[in-house]
Amino acid sequence: MANRLRITYVRSAIGYNVKQKRTVLALGLHNLGDVVEQDDTPVIRGMVDKVSHLVQVQEVEQ
């Protein structure tokens, strides 16, 4: 099975660039404390890198 990433929204995007806010939404995060699991792909990794100051990431084995 492919690895997955558990992404937790830990810091508000208020005061940050609109692109960063949209990236957080595109990851499936809406409210602080939300947790989503995404496939570990280069696209998702790139999105996480852009908002790494707003989220926490854990690798999950399946």
PDB file of N, CA and C in Angstrom:
ATOM      1  N   MET A   1       0.825  -1.187   0.000  1.00  0.00           N
ATOM      2  CA  MET A   1       0.000   0.000   0.000  1.00  0.00           C
ATOM      3  C   MET A   1       0.869   1.250   0.000  1.00  0.00           C
ATOM      4  N   ALA A   2       0.296   2.296  -0.511  1.00  0.00           N
ATOM      5  CA  ALA A   2       1.011   3.562  -0.568  1.00  0.00           C
ATOM      6  C   ALA A   2       0.977   4.245   0.799  1.00  0.00           C
ATOM      7  N   ASN A   3       1.980   5.036   1.071  1.00  0.00           N
ATOM      8  CA  ASN A   3       1.997   5.818   2.303  1.00  0.00           C
ATOM      9  C   ASN A   3       0.971   6.930   2.205  1.00  0.00           C
ATOM     10  N   ARG A   4       0.522   7.354   3.347  1.00  0.00           N
ATOM     11  CA  ARG A   4      -0.414   8.473   3.402  1.00  0.00           C
ATOM     12  C   ARG A   4       0.130   9.512   4.372  1.00  0.00           C
ATOM     13  N   LEU A   5      -0.366  10.734   4.239  1.00  0.00           N
ATOM     14  CA  LEU A   5       0.018  11.823   5.124  1.00  0.00           C
ATOM     15  C   LEU A   5      -1.191  12.226   5.955  1.00  0.00           C
ATOM     16  N   ARG A   6      -0.987  12.341   7.265  1.00  0.00           N
ATOM     17  CA  ARG A   6      -2.025  12.873   8.145  1.00  0.00           C
ATOM     18  C   ARG A   6      -1.682  14.339   8.375  1.00  0.00           C
ATOM     19  N   ILE A   7      -2.561  15.220   7.910  1.00  0.00           N
ATOM     20  CA  ILE A   7      -2.315  16.661   7.950  1.00  0.00           C
ATOM     21  C   ILE A   7      -3.281  17.291   8.950  1.00  0.00           C
ATOM     22  N   THR A   8      -2.722  18.041   9.901  1.00  0.00           N
ATOM     23  CA  THR A   8      -3.515  18.695  10.935  1.00  0.00           C
ATOM     24  C   THR A   8      -3.364  20.207  10.793  1.00  0.00           C
ATOM     25  N   TYR A   9      -4.505  20.898  10.799  1.00  0.00           N
ATOM     26  CA  TYR A   9      -4.547  22.366  10.690  1.00  0.00           C
ATOM     27  C   TYR A   9      -4.331  22.943  12.083  1.00  0.00           C
ATOM     28  N   VAL A  10      -3.164  23.586  12.323  1.00  0.00           N
ATOM     29  CA  VAL A  10      -2.818  24.016  13.676  1.00  0.00           C
ATOM     30  C   VAL A  10      -2.693  25.526  13.857  1.00  0.00           C
ATOM     31  N   ARG A  11      -2.626  26.285  12.767  1.00  0.00           N
ATOM     32  CA  ARG A  11      -2.477  27.729  12.899  1.00  0.00           C
ATOM     33  C   ARG A  11      -3.354  28.425  11.870  1.00  0.00           C
ATOM     34  N   SER A  12      -4.026  29.468  12.265  1.00  0.00           N
ATOM     35  CA  SER A  12      -4.962  30.171  11.403  1.00  0.00           C
ATOM     36  C   SER A  12      -4.258  30.825  10.220  1.00  0.00           C
ATOM     37  N   ALA A  13      -4.957  30.864   9.089  1.00  0.00           N
ATOM     38  CA  ALA A  13      -4.416  31.487   7.881  1.00  0.00           C
ATOM     39  C   ALA A  13      -4.782  32.966   7.787  1.00  0.00           C
ATOM     40  N   ILE A  14      -5.434  33.495   8.810  1.00  0.00           N
ATOM     41  CA  ILE A  14      -5.793  34.911   8.810  1.00  0.00           C
ATOM     42  C   ILE A  14      -4.514  35.734   8.762  1.00  0.00           C
ATOM     43  N   GLY A  15      -4.475  36.696   7.871  1.00  0.00           N
ATOM     44  CA  GLY A  15      -3.304  37.557   7.735  1.00  0.00           C
ATOM     45  C   GLY A  15      -2.291  37.045   6.731  1.00  0.00           C
ATOM     46  N   TYR A  16      -2.551  35.878   6.150  1.00  0.00           N
ATOM     47  CA  TYR A  16      -1.649  35.314   5.158  1.00  0.00           C
ATOM     48  C   TYR A  16      -2.221  35.508   3.755  1.00  0.00           C
ATOM     49  N   ASN A  17      -1.391  35.274   2.777  1.00  0.00           N
ATOM     50  CA  ASN A  17      -1.740  35.426   1.381  1.00  0.00           C
ATOM     51  C   ASN A  17      -2.969  34.585   1.014  1.00  0.00           C
ATOM     52  N   VAL A  18      -3.786  35.089   0.080  1.00  0.00           N
ATOM     53  CA  VAL A  18      -4.990  34.385  -0.367  1.00  0.00           C
ATOM     54  C   VAL A  18      -4.626  33.028  -0.966  1.00  0.00           C
ATOM     55  N   LYS A  19      -3.506  32.934  -1.646  1.00  0.00           N
ATOM     56  CA  LYS A  19      -3.091  31.654  -2.226  1.00  0.00           C
ATOM     57  C   LYS A  19      -2.868  30.606  -1.138  1.00  0.00           C
ATOM     58  N   GLN A  20      -2.312  31.027  -0.007  1.00  0.00           N
ATOM     59  CA  GLN A  20      -2.088  30.090   1.090  1.00  0.00           C
ATOM     60  C   GLN A  20      -3.411  29.652   1.705  1.00  0.00           C
ATOM     61  N   LYS A  21      -4.378  30.566   1.816  1.00  0.00           N
ATOM     62  CA  LYS A  21      -5.697  30.219   2.331  1.00  0.00           C
ATOM     63  C   LYS A  21      -6.372  29.199   1.420  1.00  0.00           C
ATOM     64  N   ARG A  22      -6.265  29.408   0.115  1.00  0.00           N
ATOM     65  CA  ARG A  22      -6.871  28.486  -0.848  1.00  0.00           C
ATOM     66  C   ARG A  22      -6.174  27.128  -0.833  1.00  0.00           C
ATOM     67  N   THR A  23      -4.881  27.129  -0.583  1.00  0.00           N
ATOM     68  CA  THR A  23      -4.145  25.860  -0.496  1.00  0.00           C
ATOM     69  C   THR A  23      -4.622  25.054   0.705  1.00  0.00           C
ATOM     70  N   VAL A  24      -4.843  25.717   1.823  1.00  0.00           N
ATOM     71  CA  VAL A  24      -5.359  25.038   3.017  1.00  0.00           C
ATOM     72  C   VAL A  24      -6.726  24.431   2.707  1.00  0.00           C
ATOM     73  N   LEU A  25      -7.586  25.183   2.046  1.00  0.00           N
ATOM     74  CA  LEU A  25      -8.908  24.662   1.680  1.00  0.00           C
ATOM     75  C   LEU A  25      -8.793  23.497   0.701  1.00  0.00           C
ATOM     76  N   ALA A  26      -7.879  23.593  -0.252  1.00  0.00           N
ATOM     77  CA  ALA A  26      -7.692  22.532  -1.245  1.00  0.00           C
ATOM     78  C   ALA A  26      -7.205  21.233  -0.593  1.00  0.00           C
ATOM     79  N   LEU A  27      -6.519  21.347   0.516  1.00  0.00           N
ATOM     80  CA  LEU A  27      -6.083  20.162   1.251  1.00  0.00           C
ATOM     81  C   LEU A  27      -7.248  19.517   2.009  1.00  0.00           C
ATOM     82  N   GLY A  28      -8.381  20.220   2.084  1.00  0.00           N
ATOM     83  CA  GLY A  28      -9.550  19.683   2.774  1.00  0.00           C
ATOM     84  C   GLY A  28      -9.681  20.155   4.209  1.00  0.00           C
ATOM     85  N   LEU A  29      -8.939  21.197   4.571  1.00  0.00           N
ATOM     86  CA  LEU A  29      -8.947  21.718   5.939  1.00  0.00           C
ATOM     87  C   LEU A  29      -9.814  22.968   5.998  1.00  0.00           C
ATOM     88  N   HIS A  30     -10.753  23.001   6.946  1.00  0.00           N
ATOM     89  CA  HIS A  30     -11.665  24.140   7.043  1.00  0.00           C
ATOM     90  C   HIS A  30     -11.550  24.865   8.374  1.00  0.00           C
ATOM     91  N   ASN A  31     -11.488  24.120   9.466  1.00  0.00           N
ATOM     92  CA  ASN A  31     -11.426  24.713  10.800  1.00  0.00           C
ATOM     93  C   ASN A  31     -10.141  24.277  11.504  1.00  0.00           C
ATOM     94  N   LEU A  32      -9.680  25.115  12.429  1.00  0.00           N
ATOM     95  CA  LEU A  32      -8.510  24.743  13.216  1.00  0.00           C
ATOM     96  C   LEU A  32      -8.767  23.422  13.916  1.00  0.00           C
ATOM     97  N   GLY A  33      -7.771  22.575  13.913  1.00  0.00           N
ATOM     98  CA  GLY A  33      -7.894  21.274  14.534  1.00  0.00           C
ATOM     99  C   GLY A  33      -8.361  20.185  13.584  1.00  0.00           C
ATOM    100  N   ASP A  34      -8.782  20.557  12.380  1.00  0.00           N
ATOM    101  CA  ASP A  34      -9.197  19.555  11.393  1.00  0.00           C
ATOM    102  C   ASP A  34      -8.022  18.653  11.043  1.00  0.00           C
ATOM    103  N   VAL A  35      -8.324  17.382  10.826  1.00  0.00           N
ATOM    104  CA  VAL A  35      -7.316  16.405  10.433  1.00  0.00           C
ATOM    105  C   VAL A  35      -7.816  15.690   9.193  1.00  0.00           C
ATOM    106  N   VAL A  36      -6.967  15.619   8.157  1.00  0.00           N
ATOM    107  CA  VAL A  36      -7.303  14.882   6.945  1.00  0.00           C
ATOM    108  C   VAL A  36      -6.147  13.955   6.611  1.00  0.00           C
ATOM    109  N   GLU A  37      -6.451  12.897   5.890  1.00  0.00           N
ATOM    110  CA  GLU A  37      -5.414  12.011   5.372  1.00  0.00           C
ATOM    111  C   GLU A  37      -5.433  12.101   3.862  1.00  0.00           C
ATOM    112  N   GLN A  38      -4.266  12.334   3.291  1.00  0.00           N
ATOM    113  CA  GLN A  38      -4.109  12.449   1.841  1.00  0.00           C
ATOM    114  C   GLN A  38      -3.042  11.453   1.404  1.00  0.00           C
ATOM    115  N   ASP A  39      -3.132  11.019   0.146  1.00  0.00           N
ATOM    116  CA  ASP A  39      -2.084  10.170  -0.416  1.00  0.00           C
ATOM    117  C   ASP A  39      -0.775  10.950  -0.466  1.00  0.00           C
ATOM    118  N   ASP A  40       0.315  10.250  -0.277  1.00  0.00           N
ATOM    119  CA  ASP A  40       1.643  10.883  -0.311  1.00  0.00           C
ATOM    120  C   ASP A  40       2.104  10.984  -1.757  1.00  0.00           C
ATOM    121  N   THR A  41       1.719  12.083  -2.411  1.00  0.00           N
ATOM    122  CA  THR A  41       2.093  12.329  -3.803  1.00  0.00           C
ATOM    123  C   THR A  41       2.909  13.617  -3.879  1.00  0.00           C
ATOM    124  N   PRO A  42       3.636  13.809  -4.967  1.00  0.00           N
ATOM    125  CA  PRO A  42       4.403  15.053  -5.107  1.00  0.00           C
ATOM    126  C   PRO A  42       3.523  16.304  -5.077  1.00  0.00           C
ATOM    127  N   VAL A  43       2.305  16.205  -5.583  1.00  0.00           N
ATOM    128  CA  VAL A  43       1.395  17.352  -5.590  1.00  0.00           C
ATOM    129  C   VAL A  43       1.023  17.741  -4.162  1.00  0.00           C
ATOM    130  N   ILE A  44       0.634  16.761  -3.361  1.00  0.00           N
ATOM    131  CA  ILE A  44       0.253  17.033  -1.969  1.00  0.00           C
ATOM    132  C   ILE A  44       1.455  17.512  -1.177  1.00  0.00           C
ATOM    133  N   ARG A  45       2.623  16.917  -1.405  1.00  0.00           N
ATOM    134  CA  ARG A  45       3.850  17.371  -0.719  1.00  0.00           C
ATOM    135  C   ARG A  45       4.140  18.834  -1.027  1.00  0.00           C
ATOM    136  N   GLY A  46       3.958  19.235  -2.284  1.00  0.00           N
ATOM    137  CA  GLY A  46       4.188  20.626  -2.671  1.00  0.00           C
ATOM    138  C   GLY A  46       3.223  21.568  -1.977  1.00  0.00           C
ATOM    139  N   MET A  47       1.949  21.153  -1.888  1.00  0.00           N
ATOM    140  CA  MET A  47       0.957  21.981  -1.203  1.00  0.00           C
ATOM    141  C   MET A  47       1.297  22.127   0.273  1.00  0.00           C
ATOM    142  N   VAL A  48       1.707  21.027   0.893  1.00  0.00           N
ATOM    143  CA  VAL A  48       2.072  21.057   2.309  1.00  0.00           C
ATOM    144  C   VAL A  48       3.294  21.948   2.520  1.00  0.00           C
ATOM    145  N   ASP A  49       4.255  21.900   1.617  1.00  0.00           N
ATOM    146  CA  ASP A  49       5.442  22.752   1.742  1.00  0.00           C
ATOM    147  C   ASP A  49       5.078  24.234   1.723  1.00  0.00           C
ATOM    148  N   LYS A  50       4.080  24.598   0.928  1.00  0.00           N
ATOM    149  CA  LYS A  50       3.677  26.004   0.816  1.00  0.00           C
ATOM    150  C   LYS A  50       2.999  26.524   2.077  1.00  0.00           C
ATOM    151  N   VAL A  51       2.372  25.625   2.832  1.00  0.00           N
ATOM    152  CA  VAL A  51       1.668  26.051   4.050  1.00  0.00           C
ATOM    153  C   VAL A  51       2.201  25.325   5.286  1.00  0.00           C
ATOM    154  N   SER A  52       3.465  24.952   5.254  1.00  0.00           N
ATOM    155  CA  SER A  52       4.060  24.173   6.356  1.00  0.00           C
ATOM    156  C   SER A  52       4.025  24.914   7.686  1.00  0.00           C
ATOM    157  N   HIS A  53       3.945  26.242   7.646  1.00  0.00           N
ATOM    158  CA  HIS A  53       3.882  27.030   8.877  1.00  0.00           C
ATOM    159  C   HIS A  53       2.474  27.021   9.492  1.00  0.00           C
ATOM    160  N   LEU A  54       1.492  26.459   8.767  1.00  0.00           N
ATOM    161  CA  LEU A  54       0.108  26.426   9.257  1.00  0.00           C
ATOM    162  C   LEU A  54      -0.361  25.022   9.620  1.00  0.00           C
ATOM    163  N   VAL A  55       0.381  24.009   9.205  1.00  0.00           N
ATOM    164  CA  VAL A  55      -0.066  22.629   9.399  1.00  0.00           C
ATOM    165  C   VAL A  55       1.032  21.775  10.016  1.00  0.00           C
ATOM    166  N   GLN A  56       0.625  20.634  10.587  1.00  0.00           N
ATOM    167  CA  GLN A  56       1.551  19.598  11.039  1.00  0.00           C
ATOM    168  C   GLN A  56       1.312  18.374  10.186  1.00  0.00           C
ATOM    169  N   VAL A  57       2.384  17.669   9.847  1.00  0.00           N
ATOM    170  CA  VAL A  57       2.270  16.510   8.961  1.00  0.00           C
ATOM    171  C   VAL A  57       2.904  15.296   9.621  1.00  0.00           C
ATOM    172  N   GLN A  58       2.197  14.169   9.525  1.00  0.00           N
ATOM    173  CA  GLN A  58       2.723  12.886  10.000  1.00  0.00           C
ATOM    174  C   GLN A  58       2.576  11.881   8.864  1.00  0.00           C
ATOM    175  N   GLU A  59       3.582  11.038   8.693  1.00  0.00           N
ATOM    176  CA  GLU A  59       3.468   9.975   7.714  1.00  0.00           C
ATOM    177  C   GLU A  59       2.780   8.784   8.378  1.00  0.00           C
ATOM    178  N   VAL A  60       1.826   8.189   7.667  1.00  0.00           N
ATOM    179  CA  VAL A  60       1.051   7.069   8.176  1.00  0.00           C
ATOM    180  C   VAL A  60       1.254   5.874   7.276  1.00  0.00           C
ATOM    181  N   GLU A  61       1.651   4.746   7.861  1.00  0.00           N
ATOM    182  CA  GLU A  61       1.798   3.501   7.102  1.00  0.00           C
ATOM    183  C   GLU A  61       0.449   2.806   7.043  1.00  0.00           C
ATOM    184  N   GLN A  62       0.168   2.214   5.892  1.00  0.00           N
ATOM    185  CA  GLN A  62      -1.085   1.475   5.777  1.00  0.00           C
ATOM    186  C   GLN A  62      -0.833   0.027   5.477  1.00  0.00           C
TER     187      GLN A  62
END
